[in-house]
Amino acid sequence: MIGLPYPGGPSIARAAPDGDAHALQLPKAKMPGKYDFSFSGVKTAVLRAAQEMVSKDFTFPSKDLPALLRDRQRNDIAASFQRVAIETVVDKTMLAFEEFQPASVVVGGGVAANQELRRQLKERLPIEPSYTDIKLCTDNGAMIATLGCFKAMHGQPTADPYKLDIAPNLSM
C-alpha cells in the first residue's frame, strides 16, 4: 500500500527508524475478547492517512499511492504503524502475563522477528521471553501453505474453495 516490498513486517522494521513514530495517530482495535487484537482497522487508517498525505480522497486506489508518497512520508507511516502494532502486542502480552503469571512467555510467528518488539517485551516483562529461531519467524501465510502441503501429502481430500465455511479458530 505504501510501496514497501513484501513481506511487510521486515520492510516496516527497516523503514521505521528513519520515520517519526508519532507522525500519525493511528487507532488500536477494541475487540470483545480482552486478549484479542486485530490490525485491520489500523491498516485502513494507514490507507486513509496515506491518501490524505498525497491530497487524495478515499476513492483514490491504494495501488497508486506508492508513486505519490515521498520517502519521509513512507518512513513516518512505517514508524507510526510499527509503534501501534508493538504497543498492541506488548500491552496484550502484559495483560495476559499479569493475570496468569506464567512461568514462561513464548513469542512466535513473523512478528517475533521484530527487534523493537523483542526489546520492548524484554524491558517490560519480569521474565526473559523465549523466541523460536529467527529463521522460523516467518509469515503466517507461509505457515498455512505448509500446513496445506502436509495435509495434501497425507491424502486429505481437496475441497471446493467456493464452498468452504470460514473457521478462524480451526485447530491445526
C-alpha atoms as a PDB file:
ATOM      1  CA  MET A   1       0.000   0.000   0.000  1.00  0.00           C
ATOM      2  CA  ILE A   2       2.855   2.420   0.735  1.00  0.00           C
ATOM      3  CA  GLY A   3       5.378   0.895  -1.634  1.00  0.00           C
ATOM      4  CA  LEU A   4       7.464  -1.233   0.707  1.00  0.00           C
ATOM      5  CA  PRO A   5       8.495  -4.682  -0.503  1.00  0.00           C
ATOM      6  CA  TYR A   6       6.902  -7.942   0.665  1.00  0.00           C
ATOM      7  CA  PRO A   7       6.994  -9.240   3.320  1.00  0.00           C
ATOM      8  CA  GLY A   8       5.685  -6.139   5.048  1.00  0.00           C
ATOM      9  CA  GLY A   9       6.963  -6.751   8.582  1.00  0.00           C
ATOM     10  CA  PRO A  10      10.698  -6.651   7.837  1.00  0.00           C
ATOM     11  CA  SER A  11      10.211  -3.756   5.396  1.00  0.00           C
ATOM     12  CA  ILE A  12       8.350  -1.745   8.017  1.00  0.00           C
ATOM     13  CA  ALA A  13      11.034  -2.525  10.599  1.00  0.00           C
ATOM     14  CA  ARG A  14      13.746  -1.255   8.218  1.00  0.00           C
ATOM     15  CA  ALA A  15      11.862   1.953   7.335  1.00  0.00           C
ATOM     16  CA  ALA A  16      10.607   2.778  10.845  1.00  0.00           C
ATOM     17  CA  PRO A  17      13.892   4.046  12.364  1.00  0.00           C
ATOM     18  CA  ASP A  18      14.008   6.772   9.691  1.00  0.00           C
ATOM     19  CA  GLY A  19      10.469   7.946  10.464  1.00  0.00           C
ATOM     20  CA  ASP A  20       8.592   9.742  13.217  1.00  0.00           C
ATOM     21  CA  ALA A  21       6.661   7.141  15.247  1.00  0.00           C
ATOM     22  CA  HIS A  22       4.209   9.824  16.365  1.00  0.00           C
ATOM     23  CA  ALA A  23       3.596  11.382  12.941  1.00  0.00           C
ATOM     24  CA  LEU A  24       0.243   9.590  12.692  1.00  0.00           C
ATOM     25  CA  GLN A  25      -2.241   8.982  15.468  1.00  0.00           C
ATOM     26  CA  LEU A  26      -3.416   5.521  14.490  1.00  0.00           C
ATOM     27  CA  PRO A  27      -6.206   3.648  16.299  1.00  0.00           C
ATOM     28  CA  LYS A  28      -5.913   0.489  18.346  1.00  0.00           C
ATOM     29  CA  ALA A  29      -8.601  -2.122  17.850  1.00  0.00           C
ATOM     30  CA  LYS A  30     -11.235  -2.509  20.517  1.00  0.00           C
ATOM     31  CA  MET A  31     -12.099  -6.192  20.395  1.00  0.00           C
ATOM     32  CA  PRO A  32     -14.631  -8.092  22.505  1.00  0.00           C
ATOM     33  CA  GLY A  33     -12.101 -10.532  23.985  1.00  0.00           C
ATOM     34  CA  LYS A  34      -9.688  -8.905  26.374  1.00  0.00           C
ATOM     35  CA  TYR A  35      -6.656 -10.580  24.771  1.00  0.00           C
ATOM     36  CA  ASP A  36      -7.877 -10.281  21.175  1.00  0.00           C
ATOM     37  CA  PHE A  37      -6.429  -7.812  18.727  1.00  0.00           C
ATOM     38  CA  SER A  38      -6.592  -7.075  15.040  1.00  0.00           C
ATOM     39  CA  PHE A  39      -4.648  -4.818  12.742  1.00  0.00           C
ATOM     40  CA  SER A  40      -7.429  -4.455  10.149  1.00  0.00           C
ATOM     41  CA  GLY A  41      -8.563  -1.066  11.442  1.00  0.00           C
ATOM     42  CA  VAL A  42      -5.064   0.328  11.732  1.00  0.00           C
ATOM     43  CA  LYS A  43      -4.302  -0.792   8.174  1.00  0.00           C
ATOM     44  CA  THR A  44      -7.389   1.060   6.970  1.00  0.00           C
ATOM     45  CA  ALA A  45      -6.301   4.112   8.976  1.00  0.00           C
ATOM     46  CA  VAL A  46      -2.878   3.915   7.286  1.00  0.00           C
ATOM     47  CA  LEU A  47      -4.586   3.834   3.896  1.00  0.00           C
ATOM     48  CA  ARG A  48      -6.689   6.895   4.730  1.00  0.00           C
ATOM     49  CA  ALA A  49      -3.675   8.764   6.159  1.00  0.00           C
ATOM     50  CA  ALA A  50      -1.578   7.972   3.073  1.00  0.00           C
ATOM     51  CA  GLN A  51      -4.390   9.136   0.791  1.00  0.00           C
ATOM     52  CA  GLU A  52      -4.633  12.368   2.773  1.00  0.00           C
ATOM     53  CA  MET A  53      -0.842  12.879   2.674  1.00  0.00           C
ATOM     54  CA  VAL A  54      -0.966  12.945  -1.116  1.00  0.00           C
ATOM     55  CA  SER A  55      -4.097  15.135  -1.172  1.00  0.00           C
ATOM     56  CA  LYS A  56      -6.425  12.392  -2.408  1.00  0.00           C
ATOM     57  CA  ASP A  57      -9.743  11.184  -1.035  1.00  0.00           C
ATOM     58  CA  PHE A  58     -10.854   7.693  -0.002  1.00  0.00           C
ATOM     59  CA  THR A  59     -11.701   6.740  -3.587  1.00  0.00           C
ATOM     60  CA  PHE A  60      -8.062   7.024  -4.683  1.00  0.00           C
ATOM     61  CA  PRO A  61      -6.766   3.466  -5.341  1.00  0.00           C
ATOM     62  CA  SER A  62      -4.199   2.124  -2.889  1.00  0.00           C
ATOM     63  CA  LYS A  63      -2.180   0.636  -5.752  1.00  0.00           C
ATOM     64  CA  ASP A  64      -1.430   4.168  -6.971  1.00  0.00           C
ATOM     65  CA  LEU A  65      -0.261   5.547  -3.608  1.00  0.00           C
ATOM     66  CA  PRO A  66       3.384   4.404  -3.635  1.00  0.00           C
ATOM     67  CA  ALA A  67       4.230   6.561  -6.654  1.00  0.00           C
ATOM     68  CA  LEU A  68       2.966   9.693  -4.856  1.00  0.00           C
ATOM     69  CA  LEU A  69       4.446   9.164  -1.402  1.00  0.00           C
ATOM     70  CA  ARG A  70       7.803  10.700  -0.537  1.00  0.00           C
ATOM     71  CA  ASP A  71      10.360   8.617   1.387  1.00  0.00           C
ATOM     72  CA  ARG A  72       9.822  10.715   4.519  1.00  0.00           C
ATOM     73  CA  GLN A  73       6.068  10.067   4.418  1.00  0.00           C
ATOM     74  CA  ARG A  74       6.628   6.354   3.847  1.00  0.00           C
ATOM     75  CA  ASN A  75       9.024   6.194   6.803  1.00  0.00           C
ATOM     76  CA  ASP A  76       6.630   8.134   9.058  1.00  0.00           C
ATOM     77  CA  ILE A  77       3.816   5.750   8.146  1.00  0.00           C
ATOM     78  CA  ALA A  78       6.036   2.730   8.823  1.00  0.00           C
ATOM     79  CA  ALA A  79       7.226   4.129  12.158  1.00  0.00           C
ATOM     80  CA  SER A  80       3.703   5.028  13.280  1.00  0.00           C
ATOM     81  CA  PHE A  81       2.308   1.649  12.256  1.00  0.00           C
ATOM     82  CA  GLN A  82       5.142  -0.218  13.965  1.00  0.00           C
ATOM     83  CA  ARG A  83       4.631   1.804  17.164  1.00  0.00           C
ATOM     84  CA  VAL A  84       0.919   0.991  17.342  1.00  0.00           C
ATOM     85  CA  ALA A  85       1.409  -2.673  16.397  1.00  0.00           C
ATOM     86  CA  ILE A  86       4.122  -3.181  19.000  1.00  0.00           C
ATOM     87  CA  GLU A  87       2.206  -1.281  21.695  1.00  0.00           C
ATOM     88  CA  THR A  88      -0.788  -3.519  20.991  1.00  0.00           C
ATOM     89  CA  VAL A  89       1.154  -6.787  21.190  1.00  0.00           C
ATOM     90  CA  VAL A  90       3.122  -5.727  24.257  1.00  0.00           C
ATOM     91  CA  ASP A  91       0.044  -4.407  26.089  1.00  0.00           C
ATOM     92  CA  LYS A  92      -1.922  -7.614  25.410  1.00  0.00           C
ATOM     93  CA  THR A  93       1.062  -9.739  26.443  1.00  0.00           C
ATOM     94  CA  MET A  94       1.410  -7.789  29.686  1.00  0.00           C
ATOM     95  CA  LEU A  95      -2.318  -8.090  30.378  1.00  0.00           C
ATOM     96  CA  ALA A  96      -2.157 -11.874  29.978  1.00  0.00           C
ATOM     97  CA  PHE A  97       1.067 -12.117  31.975  1.00  0.00           C
ATOM     98  CA  GLU A  98      -0.336 -10.130  34.884  1.00  0.00           C
ATOM     99  CA  GLU A  99      -3.477 -12.253  35.017  1.00  0.00           C
ATOM    100  CA  PHE A 100      -1.942 -15.706  34.588  1.00  0.00           C
ATOM    101  CA  GLN A 101       1.618 -15.247  35.952  1.00  0.00           C
ATOM    102  CA  PRO A 102       3.064 -17.889  33.593  1.00  0.00           C
ATOM    103  CA  ALA A 103       6.484 -19.437  34.149  1.00  0.00           C
ATOM    104  CA  SER A 104       7.402 -18.589  30.566  1.00  0.00           C
ATOM    105  CA  VAL A 105       6.364 -16.419  27.629  1.00  0.00           C
ATOM    106  CA  VAL A 106       6.953 -17.719  24.110  1.00  0.00           C
ATOM    107  CA  VAL A 107       6.618 -15.429  21.094  1.00  0.00           C
ATOM    108  CA  GLY A 108       6.250 -16.931  17.616  1.00  0.00           C
ATOM    109  CA  GLY A 109       5.216 -16.125  14.068  1.00  0.00           C
ATOM    110  CA  GLY A 110       6.538 -13.440  11.777  1.00  0.00           C
ATOM    111  CA  VAL A 111       6.180 -10.686  14.366  1.00  0.00           C
ATOM    112  CA  ALA A 112       8.668 -12.480  16.635  1.00  0.00           C
ATOM    113  CA  ALA A 113      11.458 -11.381  14.282  1.00  0.00           C
ATOM    114  CA  ASN A 114      10.845  -7.701  15.054  1.00  0.00           C
ATOM    115  CA  GLN A 115      13.768  -6.449  17.129  1.00  0.00           C
ATOM    116  CA  GLU A 116      11.859  -3.483  18.575  1.00  0.00           C
ATOM    117  CA  LEU A 117       9.121  -5.831  19.800  1.00  0.00           C
ATOM    118  CA  ARG A 118      11.766  -8.038  21.390  1.00  0.00           C
ATOM    119  CA  ARG A 119      13.375  -5.034  23.061  1.00  0.00           C
ATOM    120  CA  GLN A 120      10.096  -3.772  24.499  1.00  0.00           C
ATOM    121  CA  LEU A 121       8.988  -7.198  25.743  1.00  0.00           C
ATOM    122  CA  LYS A 122      12.349  -7.699  27.428  1.00  0.00           C
ATOM    123  CA  GLU A 123      12.044  -4.265  29.029  1.00  0.00           C
ATOM    124  CA  ARG A 124       8.501  -4.778  30.352  1.00  0.00           C
ATOM    125  CA  LEU A 125       8.280  -8.458  31.238  1.00  0.00           C
ATOM    126  CA  PRO A 126       9.765  -9.545  34.567  1.00  0.00           C
ATOM    127  CA  ILE A 127      10.996 -12.762  32.901  1.00  0.00           C
ATOM    128  CA  GLU A 128      13.013 -13.305  29.740  1.00  0.00           C
ATOM    129  CA  PRO A 129      10.714 -14.135  26.820  1.00  0.00           C
ATOM    130  CA  SER A 130      11.580 -17.088  24.580  1.00  0.00           C
ATOM    131  CA  TYR A 131      11.556 -16.944  20.811  1.00  0.00           C
ATOM    132  CA  THR A 132      11.714 -19.514  18.108  1.00  0.00           C
ATOM    133  CA  ASP A 133      14.847 -19.439  15.949  1.00  0.00           C
ATOM    134  CA  ILE A 134      14.797 -16.280  13.809  1.00  0.00           C
ATOM    135  CA  LYS A 135      14.844 -18.435  10.638  1.00  0.00           C
ATOM    136  CA  LEU A 136      11.486 -19.876  11.737  1.00  0.00           C
ATOM    137  CA  CYS A 137       9.861 -16.488  12.399  1.00  0.00           C
ATOM    138  CA  THR A 138       8.053 -16.440   9.098  1.00  0.00           C
ATOM    139  CA  ASP A 139       4.884 -15.110   7.556  1.00  0.00           C
ATOM    140  CA  ASN A 140       1.673 -16.803   8.693  1.00  0.00           C
ATOM    141  CA  GLY A 141       0.660 -17.270   5.048  1.00  0.00           C
ATOM    142  CA  ALA A 142       3.749 -19.429   4.537  1.00  0.00           C
ATOM    143  CA  MET A 143       2.858 -21.455   7.645  1.00  0.00           C
ATOM    144  CA  ILE A 144      -0.691 -22.023   6.407  1.00  0.00           C
ATOM    145  CA  ALA A 145       0.572 -23.019   2.949  1.00  0.00           C
ATOM    146  CA  THR A 146       2.963 -25.502   4.567  1.00  0.00           C
ATOM    147  CA  LEU A 147       0.126 -26.994   6.600  1.00  0.00           C
ATOM    148  CA  GLY A 148      -1.910 -27.322   3.391  1.00  0.00           C
ATOM    149  CA  CYS A 149       1.008 -29.071   1.710  1.00  0.00           C
ATOM    150  CA  PHE A 150       1.350 -31.573   4.567  1.00  0.00           C
ATOM    151  CA  LYS A 151      -2.394 -32.252   4.563  1.00  0.00           C
ATOM    152  CA  ALA A 152      -2.321 -32.831   0.789  1.00  0.00           C
ATOM    153  CA  MET A 153       0.690 -35.147   1.130  1.00  0.00           C
ATOM    154  CA  HIS A 154      -1.240 -37.188   3.697  1.00  0.00           C
ATOM    155  CA  GLY A 155      -4.218 -37.638   1.405  1.00  0.00           C
ATOM    156  CA  GLN A 156      -6.700 -35.190   2.852  1.00  0.00           C
ATOM    157  CA  PRO A 157      -9.398 -34.737   0.219  1.00  0.00           C
ATOM    158  CA  THR A 158      -9.444 -31.474  -1.683  1.00  0.00           C
ATOM    159  CA  ALA A 159     -12.303 -29.035  -1.228  1.00  0.00           C
ATOM    160  CA  ASP A 160     -14.089 -26.587  -3.481  1.00  0.00           C
ATOM    161  CA  PRO A 161     -12.743 -23.191  -2.316  1.00  0.00           C
ATOM    162  CA  TYR A 162     -16.052 -21.550  -3.233  1.00  0.00           C
ATOM    163  CA  LYS A 163     -17.979 -23.742  -0.807  1.00  0.00           C
ATOM    164  CA  LEU A 164     -15.710 -23.571   2.245  1.00  0.00           C
ATOM    165  CA  ASP A 165     -17.003 -22.183   5.516  1.00  0.00           C
ATOM    166  CA  ILE A 166     -14.945 -19.627   7.410  1.00  0.00           C
ATOM    167  CA  ALA A 167     -13.488 -21.149  10.564  1.00  0.00           C
ATOM    168  CA  PRO A 168     -10.964 -18.694  12.062  1.00  0.00           C
ATOM    169  CA  ASN A 169     -10.448 -20.803  15.216  1.00  0.00           C
ATOM    170  CA  LEU A 170      -9.936 -24.089  13.396  1.00  0.00           C
ATOM    171  CA  SER A 171      -7.444 -26.341  15.145  1.00  0.00           C
ATOM    172  CA  MET A 172      -4.387 -27.281  13.152  1.00  0.00           C
END
